[in-house]
């Protein structure tokens, strides 16, 4: 799955592109998100869901 641009995501979520960039970098570092060339496209959905549901999980900022 190819994700929208970081600018588009930021507009949809009411945040800045920089915040999206930091969150994506962390998700990529943690193995929850991967790249296809220049684009983020490999999402580990089960892992992301577990991360969201884990109490005390740090925010993605």
C-alpha atoms as a PDB file:
ATOM      1  CA  UNK A   1       0.000   0.000   0.000  1.00  0.00           C
ATOM      2  CA  UNK A   2       1.370   3.409  -0.917  1.00  0.00           C
ATOM      3  CA  UNK A   3       0.662   6.121   1.649  1.00  0.00           C
ATOM      4  CA  UNK A   4      -0.320   9.726   0.896  1.00  0.00           C
ATOM      5  CA  UNK A   5       2.429  12.323   1.037  1.00  0.00           C
ATOM      6  CA  UNK A   6       3.573  13.572   4.412  1.00  0.00           C
ATOM      7  CA  UNK A   7       2.110  16.984   3.601  1.00  0.00           C
ATOM      8  CA  UNK A   8      -1.277  15.443   2.811  1.00  0.00           C
ATOM      9  CA  UNK A   9      -1.221  13.365   6.002  1.00  0.00           C
ATOM     10  CA  UNK A  10      -0.285  16.439   8.040  1.00  0.00           C
ATOM     11  CA  UNK A  11      -3.205  18.393   6.561  1.00  0.00           C
ATOM     12  CA  UNK A  12      -5.621  15.518   7.206  1.00  0.00           C
ATOM     13  CA  UNK A  13      -4.427  15.122  10.807  1.00  0.00           C
ATOM     14  CA  UNK A  14      -4.144  18.835  11.602  1.00  0.00           C
ATOM     15  CA  UNK A  15      -0.426  18.730  12.331  1.00  0.00           C
ATOM     16  CA  UNK A  16       2.832  19.692  10.629  1.00  0.00           C
ATOM     17  CA  UNK A  17       4.783  17.807   8.010  1.00  0.00           C
ATOM     18  CA  UNK A  18       7.742  17.839  10.403  1.00  0.00           C
ATOM     19  CA  UNK A  19       5.715  15.954  13.043  1.00  0.00           C
ATOM     20  CA  UNK A  20       4.730  13.374  10.432  1.00  0.00           C
ATOM     21  CA  UNK A  21       8.381  13.050   9.369  1.00  0.00           C
ATOM     22  CA  UNK A  22       9.479  12.390  12.973  1.00  0.00           C
ATOM     23  CA  UNK A  23       6.690   9.854  13.527  1.00  0.00           C
ATOM     24  CA  UNK A  24       7.509   8.031  10.279  1.00  0.00           C
ATOM     25  CA  UNK A  25      11.209   7.941  11.168  1.00  0.00           C
ATOM     26  CA  UNK A  26      10.383   6.321  14.497  1.00  0.00           C
ATOM     27  CA  UNK A  27       7.969   3.832  12.908  1.00  0.00           C
ATOM     28  CA  UNK A  28      10.607   2.922  10.340  1.00  0.00           C
ATOM     29  CA  UNK A  29      13.304   2.555  13.016  1.00  0.00           C
ATOM     30  CA  UNK A  30      11.013   0.300  15.066  1.00  0.00           C
ATOM     31  CA  UNK A  31      10.190  -1.873  12.046  1.00  0.00           C
ATOM     32  CA  UNK A  32       6.511  -0.893  11.831  1.00  0.00           C
ATOM     33  CA  UNK A  33       6.878   0.858   8.487  1.00  0.00           C
ATOM     34  CA  UNK A  34       9.080   0.279   5.451  1.00  0.00           C
ATOM     35  CA  UNK A  35       9.973   2.056   2.255  1.00  0.00           C
ATOM     36  CA  UNK A  36       9.571   1.245  -1.412  1.00  0.00           C
ATOM     37  CA  UNK A  37      12.135   3.560  -2.951  1.00  0.00           C
ATOM     38  CA  UNK A  38      11.246   7.099  -1.881  1.00  0.00           C
ATOM     39  CA  UNK A  39       7.798   6.159  -0.602  1.00  0.00           C
ATOM     40  CA  UNK A  40       6.643   4.579   2.637  1.00  0.00           C
ATOM     41  CA  UNK A  41       4.540   1.601   1.707  1.00  0.00           C
ATOM     42  CA  UNK A  42       5.195  -1.480   3.854  1.00  0.00           C
ATOM     43  CA  UNK A  43       3.025  -1.278   6.947  1.00  0.00           C
ATOM     44  CA  UNK A  44       3.159  -3.992   9.578  1.00  0.00           C
ATOM     45  CA  UNK A  45      -0.505  -3.525  10.504  1.00  0.00           C
ATOM     46  CA  UNK A  46      -0.682  -6.188  13.269  1.00  0.00           C
ATOM     47  CA  UNK A  47       2.413  -4.680  14.895  1.00  0.00           C
ATOM     48  CA  UNK A  48       0.994  -1.140  14.613  1.00  0.00           C
ATOM     49  CA  UNK A  49      -2.284  -2.272  16.215  1.00  0.00           C
ATOM     50  CA  UNK A  50      -0.393  -3.925  19.084  1.00  0.00           C
ATOM     51  CA  UNK A  51       1.608  -0.724  19.552  1.00  0.00           C
ATOM     52  CA  UNK A  52      -1.561   1.368  19.709  1.00  0.00           C
ATOM     53  CA  UNK A  53      -3.233  -0.991  22.195  1.00  0.00           C
ATOM     54  CA  UNK A  54      -0.219  -1.289  24.525  1.00  0.00           C
ATOM     55  CA  UNK A  55      -0.793   0.705  27.731  1.00  0.00           C
ATOM     56  CA  UNK A  56       1.997   3.154  28.431  1.00  0.00           C
ATOM     57  CA  UNK A  57       3.249   3.029  24.849  1.00  0.00           C
ATOM     58  CA  UNK A  58       5.125   6.271  24.130  1.00  0.00           C
ATOM     59  CA  UNK A  59       3.564   8.697  21.650  1.00  0.00           C
ATOM     60  CA  UNK A  60       4.922   8.680  18.114  1.00  0.00           C
ATOM     61  CA  UNK A  61       6.341  12.209  18.244  1.00  0.00           C
END
